[in-house]
Protein backbone atom coordinates (compact mmCIF):
# COMPACT_ATOMS: atom_id res chain seq x y z
CA MET A 1 10.43 12.25 19.32
CA PRO A 2 9.54 14.25 16.58
CA LEU A 3 10.28 13.41 13.35
CA ALA A 4 13.79 14.72 11.79
CA LYS A 5 15.62 14.49 8.36
CA GLU A 6 17.79 11.57 9.38
CA ASP A 7 14.50 9.41 9.33
CA LEU A 8 13.87 10.13 6.15
CA ALA A 9 17.28 10.17 4.88
CA ARG A 10 17.14 6.26 5.51
CA PHE A 11 14.18 5.25 3.39
CA ASN A 12 12.76 5.03 -0.52
CA LEU A 13 8.96 4.97 -0.37
CA THR A 14 7.43 2.03 -1.94
CA VAL A 15 3.63 2.60 -1.98
CA THR A 16 1.82 -0.62 -0.95
CA ALA A 17 -1.37 0.90 0.24
CA LEU A 18 -0.07 4.30 0.08
CA LEU A 19 -1.26 5.12 3.84
CA LEU A 20 0.52 8.56 5.33
CA CYS A 21 -0.37 10.93 7.89
CA THR A 22 1.18 12.82 10.56
CA PHE A 23 4.61 10.96 11.71
CA THR A 24 4.06 10.20 15.18
CA PRO A 25 6.73 7.86 16.02
CA ARG A 26 6.25 4.85 18.53
CA GLU A 27 6.66 5.47 22.29
CA THR A 28 9.46 3.28 22.25
CA ALA A 29 12.65 4.98 22.80
CA ASP A 30 15.13 2.21 21.76
CA ARG A 31 13.27 1.45 18.14
CA ASN A 32 13.08 5.39 17.66
CA GLN A 33 16.89 5.58 18.53
CA GLU A 34 17.37 3.02 15.95
CA LEU A 35 16.00 5.17 13.30
CA TYR A 36 18.69 7.84 14.12
CA GLN A 37 21.46 5.41 13.65
CA ARG A 38 20.63 3.96 10.50
CA PRO A 39 21.02 6.16 7.32
CA ALA A 40 20.43 5.41 3.55
CA ASN A 41 21.04 6.76 0.46
CA LEU A 42 17.36 7.17 -1.10
CA LEU A 43 13.51 7.56 0.30
CA SER A 44 11.58 4.99 -1.27
CA MET A 45 8.12 4.54 -1.08
CA PRO A 46 6.30 1.41 -1.86
CA LEU A 47 2.31 2.59 -1.79
CA ALA A 48 -0.72 0.41 -1.77
CA ASN A 49 -3.40 1.26 -4.42
CA LEU A 50 -6.52 0.51 -3.20
CA GLN A 51 -7.36 1.94 0.32
CA THR A 52 -4.51 3.82 0.74
CA LEU A 53 -5.17 6.05 -2.57
CA ILE A 54 -8.52 4.91 -3.88
CA ASP A 55 -11.45 4.79 -1.70
CA TRP A 56 -12.05 1.21 -2.51
CA GLU A 57 -14.75 0.95 0.31
CA THR A 58 -17.22 3.50 -1.14
CA GLY A 59 -16.36 2.11 -4.25
CA MET A 60 -17.38 -1.43 -3.97
CA LYS A 61 -20.50 -0.19 -1.86
CA ASP A 62 -21.65 1.28 -4.57
CA ALA A 63 -20.77 -1.24 -7.37
CA LEU A 64 -22.81 -3.43 -5.00
CA ARG A 65 -25.92 -1.64 -4.89
CA PRO A 66 -27.60 -4.68 -7.34
CA LEU A 67 -27.50 -6.61 -4.04
CA SER A 68 -27.66 -3.95 -1.06
CA ASP A 69 -30.77 -2.38 -2.80
CA GLN A 70 -33.01 -5.63 -2.45
CA PRO A 71 -35.46 -5.86 -0.09
CA GLY A 72 -34.69 -7.55 3.46
CA ALA A 73 -30.81 -7.45 2.73
CA PRO A 74 -27.84 -6.91 4.98
CA ASP A 75 -26.69 -3.38 5.55
CA PRO A 76 -24.08 -2.08 2.89
CA ASP A 77 -21.31 -3.18 5.36
CA THR A 78 -22.05 -6.73 5.96
CA ILE A 79 -22.29 -7.53 2.21
CA LEU A 80 -19.20 -5.33 1.43
CA ALA A 81 -17.33 -7.88 4.47
CA THR A 82 -18.71 -10.90 2.97
CA VAL A 83 -17.46 -9.86 -0.61
CA GLY A 84 -14.12 -9.32 1.02
CA LYS A 85 -13.78 -12.36 2.81
CA HIS A 86 -14.41 -14.50 -0.38
CA ALA A 87 -12.18 -12.50 -2.45
CA GLN A 88 -9.45 -12.96 0.14
CA HIS A 89 -10.16 -16.70 -0.05
CA ILE A 90 -10.24 -16.78 -4.34
CA GLU A 91 -6.79 -14.57 -4.11
CA GLY A 92 -5.28 -17.35 -1.84
CA ASP A 93 -6.16 -20.64 -3.59
CA GLN A 94 -5.94 -19.35 -7.21
CA PRO A 95 -3.41 -16.64 -7.26
CA ARG A 96 -3.18 -16.23 -10.93
CA THR A 97 -6.80 -15.22 -11.12
CA LEU A 98 -7.10 -11.74 -12.47
CA TYR A 99 -8.78 -9.26 -10.20
CA PRO A 100 -11.83 -8.64 -12.40
CA ASP A 101 -12.46 -12.42 -12.12
CA VAL A 102 -11.99 -12.34 -8.32
CA LEU A 103 -14.23 -9.45 -7.99
CA GLU A 104 -16.77 -11.42 -10.21
CA HIS A 105 -16.98 -14.78 -8.43
CA ALA A 106 -16.59 -13.26 -5.38
CA TYR A 107 -19.86 -10.83 -5.42
CA GLU A 108 -21.44 -14.44 -6.92
CA GLN A 109 -20.62 -16.32 -3.87
CA ALA A 110 -21.50 -13.62 -1.38
CA ALA A 111 -24.73 -13.44 -2.96
CA ASP A 112 -25.41 -17.04 -2.66
CA GLU A 113 -24.14 -16.97 1.01
CA LEU A 114 -26.77 -13.97 1.93
CA GLY A 115 -29.77 -15.74 -0.16
CA LEU A 116 -29.76 -12.75 -2.41
CA LYS A 117 -30.44 -12.32 -5.94
CA TRP A 118 -27.85 -12.21 -8.87
CA THR A 119 -27.46 -11.52 -12.32
CA GLN A 120 -24.34 -12.36 -14.68
CA ARG A 121 -24.29 -8.96 -15.73
CA ASP A 122 -24.56 -8.12 -12.42
CA ALA A 123 -21.34 -9.86 -11.26
CA GLU A 124 -19.37 -8.93 -14.49
CA LEU A 125 -20.27 -5.15 -14.28
CA PHE A 126 -19.01 -5.35 -10.45
CA GLY A 127 -16.10 -7.12 -11.71
CA TYR A 128 -14.74 -4.67 -14.10
CA SER A 129 -15.67 -1.41 -11.28
CA CYS A 130 -12.31 -1.27 -10.16
CA PRO A 131 -11.23 2.00 -12.39
CA ARG A 132 -14.35 3.58 -11.43
CA TRP A 133 -13.54 3.52 -7.65
CA PRO A 134 -12.96 7.42 -6.52
CA GLU A 135 -9.56 8.44 -5.54
CA PHE A 136 -9.15 9.67 -1.98
CA PRO A 137 -9.21 13.71 -2.40
CA ASP A 138 -5.74 13.84 -0.71
CA SER A 139 -4.14 11.22 -2.82
CA ALA A 140 -3.00 12.91 -6.16
CA ASP A 141 -1.17 16.23 -4.10
CA ALA A 142 0.39 14.56 -2.00
CA LEU A 143 1.84 12.32 -4.39
CA LYS A 144 3.12 14.89 -6.28
CA LYS A 145 4.42 16.92 -3.53
CA LEU A 146 6.23 13.62 -2.75
CA HIS A 147 7.24 13.05 -5.95
CA GLU A 148 8.65 17.12 -5.75
CA LEU A 149 10.56 16.13 -2.61
CA GLY A 150 12.98 13.40 -4.53
CA PHE A 151 10.94 10.03 -3.22
CA LYS A 152 10.73 7.31 -5.31
CA LEU A 153 7.09 6.68 -5.63
CA THR A 154 6.20 2.71 -6.58
CA VAL A 155 3.08 1.21 -6.12
CA LEU A 156 2.76 -2.48 -5.31
CA SER A 157 -0.93 -3.21 -5.42
CA ASN A 158 -3.48 -6.30 -5.37
CA VAL A 159 -5.28 -5.52 -9.12
CA ASP A 160 -3.88 -6.78 -12.78
CA ASN A 161 -2.96 -4.05 -14.82
CA ARG A 162 -6.03 -3.12 -16.71
CA SER A 163 -7.69 -1.78 -13.74
CA PHE A 164 -4.76 0.02 -12.34
CA GLU A 165 -4.63 2.09 -15.82
CA GLY A 166 -7.85 3.36 -14.45
CA THR A 167 -6.50 4.47 -11.12
CA ARG A 168 -3.11 5.95 -12.66
CA ARG A 169 -5.22 8.21 -14.72
CA VAL A 170 -7.07 10.24 -11.40
CA LEU A 171 -3.37 9.78 -9.63
CA GLU A 172 -0.87 10.92 -11.94
CA ARG A 173 -1.18 14.45 -12.08
CA GLY A 174 1.83 16.48 -12.84
CA PHE A 175 4.09 13.14 -11.82
CA ASN A 176 4.56 9.33 -13.17
CA PHE A 177 4.78 6.58 -10.82
CA ASP A 178 8.60 5.10 -10.54
CA ALA A 179 7.68 1.68 -11.06
CA VAL A 180 3.75 -0.17 -10.46
CA TYR A 181 4.05 -3.79 -9.82
CA THR A 182 0.70 -5.56 -9.40
CA ALA A 183 -0.25 -8.89 -8.47
CA ALA A 184 -1.08 -9.71 -12.62
CA ASP A 185 2.78 -9.40 -12.83
CA ILE A 186 3.93 -11.28 -9.56
CA GLY A 187 1.15 -14.48 -9.93
CA SER A 188 0.03 -13.73 -6.55
CA TYR A 189 -1.80 -11.44 -4.11
CA LYS A 190 -0.97 -9.87 -0.99
CA PRO A 191 -0.13 -10.81 1.98
CA SER A 192 2.27 -13.11 0.07
CA ALA A 193 5.65 -12.96 0.99
CA GLN A 194 6.58 -13.09 -2.80
CA ASN A 195 4.73 -9.97 -3.48
CA PHE A 196 6.99 -7.96 -1.23
CA GLU A 197 10.18 -10.03 -2.25
CA TYR A 198 9.11 -9.16 -6.22
CA ALA A 199 8.91 -5.38 -5.37
CA MET A 200 12.24 -5.46 -3.69
CA SER A 201 14.31 -7.19 -5.95
CA LYS A 202 12.54 -4.90 -8.47
CA ASP A 203 13.68 -1.43 -6.77
CA PHE A 204 17.06 -2.42 -6.29
CA ASP A 205 17.52 -3.75 -9.68
CA GLN A 206 15.88 -0.46 -11.33
CA PHE A 207 16.98 2.01 -8.56
CA GLY A 208 19.59 0.18 -6.30
CA THR A 209 17.66 0.19 -3.13
CA GLU A 210 18.54 -1.46 -0.59
CA PRO A 211 15.69 -3.21 1.84
CA ARG A 212 16.50 -1.09 4.61
CA GLU A 213 15.79 1.89 2.57
CA ILE A 214 12.12 0.77 1.73
CA LEU A 215 9.72 2.02 3.89
CA ILE A 216 5.91 0.80 3.04
CA VAL A 217 3.17 3.23 3.05
CA ALA A 218 -0.44 2.06 3.59
CA ASN A 219 -3.95 1.65 4.90
CA SER A 220 -4.34 -2.29 5.20
CA LYS A 221 -2.26 -3.91 8.22
CA LEU A 222 -3.12 -7.37 6.72
CA HIS A 223 -2.44 -6.79 3.34
CA ASP A 224 0.92 -4.65 3.59
CA LEU A 225 1.95 -3.76 6.82
CA GLU A 226 2.11 -7.15 9.00
CA PRO A 227 3.89 -8.77 6.21
CA GLY A 228 6.25 -6.40 5.47
CA ARG A 229 7.34 -6.17 9.02
CA LYS A 230 7.96 -9.87 8.90
CA LEU A 231 10.23 -9.43 6.22
CA GLY A 232 12.18 -6.43 7.73
CA PHE A 233 10.61 -3.03 6.75
CA LYS A 234 9.73 -0.21 8.38
CA GLY A 235 5.75 0.77 7.98
CA ALA A 236 3.62 3.97 7.76
CA TRP A 237 -0.09 3.85 8.53
CA ILE A 238 -2.48 5.97 6.58
CA ASP A 239 -5.46 5.67 9.26
CA ARG A 240 -7.91 5.98 6.67
CA LYS A 241 -11.05 6.79 9.31
CA GLY A 242 -13.93 4.54 8.50
CA ALA A 243 -11.81 1.71 6.77
CA HIS A 244 -12.61 -2.13 7.48
CA LEU A 245 -11.10 -4.20 4.99
CA GLY A 246 -7.37 -4.95 6.25
CA VAL A 247 -7.61 -2.94 9.46
CA THR A 248 -10.73 -4.46 11.18
CA GLY A 249 -9.29 -7.70 13.37
CA GLN A 250 -5.62 -6.09 13.15
CA GLU A 251 -6.22 -3.85 16.15
CA ASP A 252 -3.05 -5.34 18.12
CA PHE A 253 -0.72 -4.88 15.45
CA GLU A 254 1.40 -1.33 16.35
CA PRO A 255 2.36 -0.03 12.87
CA ASP A 256 5.90 2.11 13.17
CA TRP A 257 4.25 5.69 12.74
CA THR A 258 0.86 6.80 11.92
CA PHE A 259 -0.70 9.14 10.18
CA SER A 260 -4.32 10.96 9.72
CA SER A 261 -4.15 10.98 5.91
CA MET A 262 -1.73 11.64 2.58
CA ALA A 263 -1.97 15.03 2.99
CA ASP A 264 -0.85 15.11 6.34
CA PHE A 265 2.26 12.66 5.42
CA ALA A 266 3.21 14.98 2.79
CA ASP A 267 3.15 18.30 4.83
CA THR A 268 4.63 16.55 7.59
CA VAL A 269 7.80 15.39 5.43
CA SER A 270 8.09 18.69 3.70
CA SER A 271 8.00 20.67 6.73
CA VAL A 272 10.40 18.53 8.20
CA LEU A 273 12.90 18.67 5.26
CA GLY A 274 12.37 22.31 5.12
CA GLY A 275 10.62 22.00 1.76
CA LYS A 276 14.13 20.80 0.06
CA PRO A 277 14.14 18.28 -1.62
CA ILE A 278 15.32 14.75 0.22
CA HIS A 279 18.96 14.65 -1.58
CA ALA A 280 19.60 18.29 -0.99
CA SER A 281 18.26 17.67 3.12
CA LYS A 282 20.55 14.88 3.83
CA SER A 283 23.56 14.95 5.93
CA ASP A 284 27.08 13.72 5.08
CA GLU A 285 26.48 10.78 7.30
CA ALA A 286 23.00 9.98 5.82
CA ASN A 287 24.71 10.10 2.14
CA GLN A 288 27.17 7.18 2.94
CA VAL A 289 26.19 4.01 1.17
CA LEU A 290 24.84 1.13 3.00
CA THR A 291 26.96 -1.90 2.80
CA ASN A 292 25.15 -4.99 2.09
CA ASP A 293 25.28 -7.89 4.68
CA GLU A 294 24.63 -11.06 2.91
CA GLU A 295 24.49 -13.27 5.73
CA ALA A 296 21.44 -10.85 7.01
CA CYS A 297 20.01 -10.34 4.39
CA LYS A 298 19.32 -13.86 2.32
CA PRO A 299 17.13 -15.48 4.94
CA HIS A 300 14.87 -12.64 4.99
CA PHE A 301 15.15 -12.00 1.03
CA PRO A 302 16.08 -15.54 -0.48
CA LEU A 303 14.44 -14.27 -4.05
CA SER A 304 16.15 -11.22 -4.38
CA THR A 305 19.41 -10.57 -6.48
CA ALA A 306 19.78 -7.42 -3.89
CA CYS A 307 21.59 -9.78 -1.16
């Protein structure tokens, strides 16, 4: 079943890892039918910053060269995976640790595990490398197109505010994110449910967005799409070819939609809407205000003021 206006009319886009490619609905007919039966006011996309919009694996590998260039060092993918493993443990055990410190300690621990030499300066430089990681070439233009189509673009990122400012400068070209929520603001890291409830509550307070109006757009199944589904959110997967962190080992998870790139996603959405903003494209049915079912909502979002 092809993507239709009714599909888009029910979401605000919250970008947690903003991964979106060509809308490919799941094969299950009853799930597709459900999308057509659930109208909404807005389209809100929570976007994930790293790996969806920013090529963090390439950026991290470049910053890890003091380790990977050593004689006898493992291949860069092995070093990256080891750093990622330690970073995830630190984020879970010490959720209030700022992202540069997470990276610094993960660098040190990974080097020790792999028997590689490291210096404090190299570890610190790696910790503060995030603002220099390159964006995917399609990210900025796709975001601008989605903004012009009337979507709320919010970022739910596993970094700190200072690190995100470097990212903001390369992505905000002709538009501004509607909201940015970082791990430093929340006091925990994804995949904690607390991060998604925080973003959902803030979106409701600022934009009146209901939980069912939020579409998570992300590359990481582990950090974004799977925990989002557990809380009842629909998700669009941006299949960044070659991405491993948060994807490898999650092959059994089937996203609601899959896209090959942010550009494909934005182009497909624009085509479905006839190039018109979402509000101008909605049917009368889709413009109905969704009633809030407190009994159904509270068990899933206990921290939210939206229920």
